[in-house]
């Protein structure tokens, strides 16, 4: 399966957050074995939209779809833990 080129905004985000190496490693794993345990691949809700995500690391996930037989990355999201939300609430 092929991967569509990244949107320049997403490529810049990866560069700015020093995630390029991790992203490339996880994307390679996705191409070799989409069910690899370190990817924690998920089908997101609503399921009929066929949007998936995989983990870059404990903090970042990649949202993607398969369009015309190619993987297309839609977005990169930050995982916020309950502890972080609790600490954020204390600051407000």
C-alpha atoms as a PDB file:
ATOM      1  CA  UNK A   1       0.000   0.000   0.000  1.00  0.00           C
ATOM      2  CA  UNK A   2       1.196   3.536  -0.757  1.00  0.00           C
ATOM      3  CA  UNK A   3       1.159   6.594   1.473  1.00  0.00           C
ATOM      4  CA  UNK A   4       0.028   9.968   0.133  1.00  0.00           C
ATOM      5  CA  UNK A   5       2.508  12.799   0.747  1.00  0.00           C
ATOM      6  CA  UNK A   6       1.921  14.625   4.017  1.00  0.00           C
ATOM      7  CA  UNK A   7       0.154  17.947   4.056  1.00  0.00           C
ATOM      8  CA  UNK A   8       2.872  20.640   4.528  1.00  0.00           C
ATOM      9  CA  UNK A   9       1.179  21.772   7.760  1.00  0.00           C
ATOM     10  CA  UNK A  10       1.468  18.259   9.222  1.00  0.00           C
ATOM     11  CA  UNK A  11       5.070  17.863   8.062  1.00  0.00           C
ATOM     12  CA  UNK A  12       5.921  21.165   9.773  1.00  0.00           C
ATOM     13  CA  UNK A  13       4.161  20.000  12.956  1.00  0.00           C
ATOM     14  CA  UNK A  14       6.231  16.798  12.991  1.00  0.00           C
ATOM     15  CA  UNK A  15       9.449  18.784  12.484  1.00  0.00           C
ATOM     16  CA  UNK A  16       8.591  21.354  15.169  1.00  0.00           C
ATOM     17  CA  UNK A  17       7.823  18.637  17.728  1.00  0.00           C
ATOM     18  CA  UNK A  18      10.805  16.390  16.827  1.00  0.00           C
ATOM     19  CA  UNK A  19       8.485  13.552  15.788  1.00  0.00           C
ATOM     20  CA  UNK A  20       9.722  12.769  12.272  1.00  0.00           C
ATOM     21  CA  UNK A  21      11.819   9.736  13.252  1.00  0.00           C
ATOM     22  CA  UNK A  22       9.067   8.265  15.473  1.00  0.00           C
ATOM     23  CA  UNK A  23       6.405   8.959  12.833  1.00  0.00           C
ATOM     24  CA  UNK A  24       8.447   7.273  10.089  1.00  0.00           C
ATOM     25  CA  UNK A  25       9.070   4.228  12.298  1.00  0.00           C
ATOM     26  CA  UNK A  26       5.395   3.830  13.179  1.00  0.00           C
ATOM     27  CA  UNK A  27       4.283   4.406   9.580  1.00  0.00           C
ATOM     28  CA  UNK A  28       6.676   1.660   8.442  1.00  0.00           C
ATOM     29  CA  UNK A  29       5.182  -0.658  11.070  1.00  0.00           C
ATOM     30  CA  UNK A  30       1.691   0.239   9.858  1.00  0.00           C
ATOM     31  CA  UNK A  31       2.601  -0.715   6.302  1.00  0.00           C
ATOM     32  CA  UNK A  32       4.166  -4.009   7.434  1.00  0.00           C
ATOM     33  CA  UNK A  33       1.567  -5.010  10.040  1.00  0.00           C
ATOM     34  CA  UNK A  34      -1.407  -2.715  10.807  1.00  0.00           C
ATOM     35  CA  UNK A  35      -2.156  -4.792  13.927  1.00  0.00           C
ATOM     36  CA  UNK A  36       1.302  -4.397  15.477  1.00  0.00           C
ATOM     37  CA  UNK A  37       0.803  -3.904  19.251  1.00  0.00           C
ATOM     38  CA  UNK A  38       2.869  -0.707  19.493  1.00  0.00           C
ATOM     39  CA  UNK A  39       0.586   1.022  16.969  1.00  0.00           C
ATOM     40  CA  UNK A  40      -2.579   0.526  19.008  1.00  0.00           C
ATOM     41  CA  UNK A  41      -4.529   1.005  15.759  1.00  0.00           C
ATOM     42  CA  UNK A  42      -8.175   1.993  16.253  1.00  0.00           C
ATOM     43  CA  UNK A  43     -11.221   2.557  14.068  1.00  0.00           C
ATOM     44  CA  UNK A  44     -12.645   5.868  15.256  1.00  0.00           C
ATOM     45  CA  UNK A  45     -16.285   6.812  15.778  1.00  0.00           C
ATOM     46  CA  UNK A  46     -18.442   7.174  13.770  1.00  0.00           C
ATOM     47  CA  UNK A  47     -17.226   3.929  12.249  1.00  0.00           C
ATOM     48  CA  UNK A  48     -18.969   4.441   8.901  1.00  0.00           C
ATOM     49  CA  UNK A  49     -16.502   7.309   8.203  1.00  0.00           C
ATOM     50  CA  UNK A  50     -13.645   4.732   8.160  1.00  0.00           C
ATOM     51  CA  UNK A  51     -11.157   6.997   9.954  1.00  0.00           C
ATOM     52  CA  UNK A  52      -8.427   5.184  11.869  1.00  0.00           C
ATOM     53  CA  UNK A  53      -5.690   6.228  14.251  1.00  0.00           C
ATOM     54  CA  UNK A  54      -2.333   4.845  15.306  1.00  0.00           C
ATOM     55  CA  UNK A  55      -0.015   5.846  18.114  1.00  0.00           C
ATOM     56  CA  UNK A  56       3.249   7.680  17.419  1.00  0.00           C
ATOM     57  CA  UNK A  57       4.141   7.543  21.105  1.00  0.00           C
ATOM     58  CA  UNK A  58       2.336   7.872  24.434  1.00  0.00           C
ATOM     59  CA  UNK A  59       1.442  11.504  23.708  1.00  0.00           C
ATOM     60  CA  UNK A  60       0.650  11.666  19.966  1.00  0.00           C
ATOM     61  CA  UNK A  61      -1.727   9.824  17.618  1.00  0.00           C
ATOM     62  CA  UNK A  62      -2.123  10.007  13.841  1.00  0.00           C
ATOM     63  CA  UNK A  63      -5.608  10.055  12.306  1.00  0.00           C
ATOM     64  CA  UNK A  64      -5.704   8.552   8.831  1.00  0.00           C
ATOM     65  CA  UNK A  65      -7.915   6.984   6.216  1.00  0.00           C
ATOM     66  CA  UNK A  66      -7.461   4.793   3.197  1.00  0.00           C
ATOM     67  CA  UNK A  67      -8.425   6.736   0.094  1.00  0.00           C
ATOM     68  CA  UNK A  68      -8.239   5.075  -3.335  1.00  0.00           C
ATOM     69  CA  UNK A  69      -5.928   2.391  -1.923  1.00  0.00           C
ATOM     70  CA  UNK A  70      -3.527   4.901  -0.355  1.00  0.00           C
ATOM     71  CA  UNK A  71      -3.027   5.857   3.280  1.00  0.00           C
ATOM     72  CA  UNK A  72      -3.854   9.531   3.769  1.00  0.00           C
ATOM     73  CA  UNK A  73      -2.897  11.216   7.047  1.00  0.00           C
ATOM     74  CA  UNK A  74      -5.608  13.657   8.118  1.00  0.00           C
ATOM     75  CA  UNK A  75      -4.327  14.958  11.431  1.00  0.00           C
ATOM     76  CA  UNK A  76      -1.978  14.476  14.378  1.00  0.00           C
ATOM     77  CA  UNK A  77      -3.547  14.716  17.814  1.00  0.00           C
ATOM     78  CA  UNK A  78      -2.240  15.066  21.347  1.00  0.00           C
ATOM     79  CA  UNK A  79      -3.439  12.576  23.940  1.00  0.00           C
ATOM     80  CA  UNK A  80      -4.447  14.361  27.127  1.00  0.00           C
ATOM     81  CA  UNK A  81      -4.546  12.219  30.243  1.00  0.00           C
ATOM     82  CA  UNK A  82      -6.958  12.624  33.129  1.00  0.00           C
ATOM     83  CA  UNK A  83      -4.054  13.746  35.308  1.00  0.00           C
ATOM     84  CA  UNK A  84      -3.186  16.500  32.832  1.00  0.00           C
ATOM     85  CA  UNK A  85      -6.819  17.617  32.719  1.00  0.00           C
ATOM     86  CA  UNK A  86      -6.918  17.703  36.514  1.00  0.00           C
ATOM     87  CA  UNK A  87      -3.754  19.831  36.643  1.00  0.00           C
ATOM     88  CA  UNK A  88      -5.139  22.112  33.914  1.00  0.00           C
ATOM     89  CA  UNK A  89      -8.375  22.584  35.892  1.00  0.00           C
ATOM     90  CA  UNK A  90      -6.349  23.692  38.933  1.00  0.00           C
ATOM     91  CA  UNK A  91      -4.730  26.430  36.827  1.00  0.00           C
ATOM     92  CA  UNK A  92      -8.072  27.855  35.708  1.00  0.00           C
END
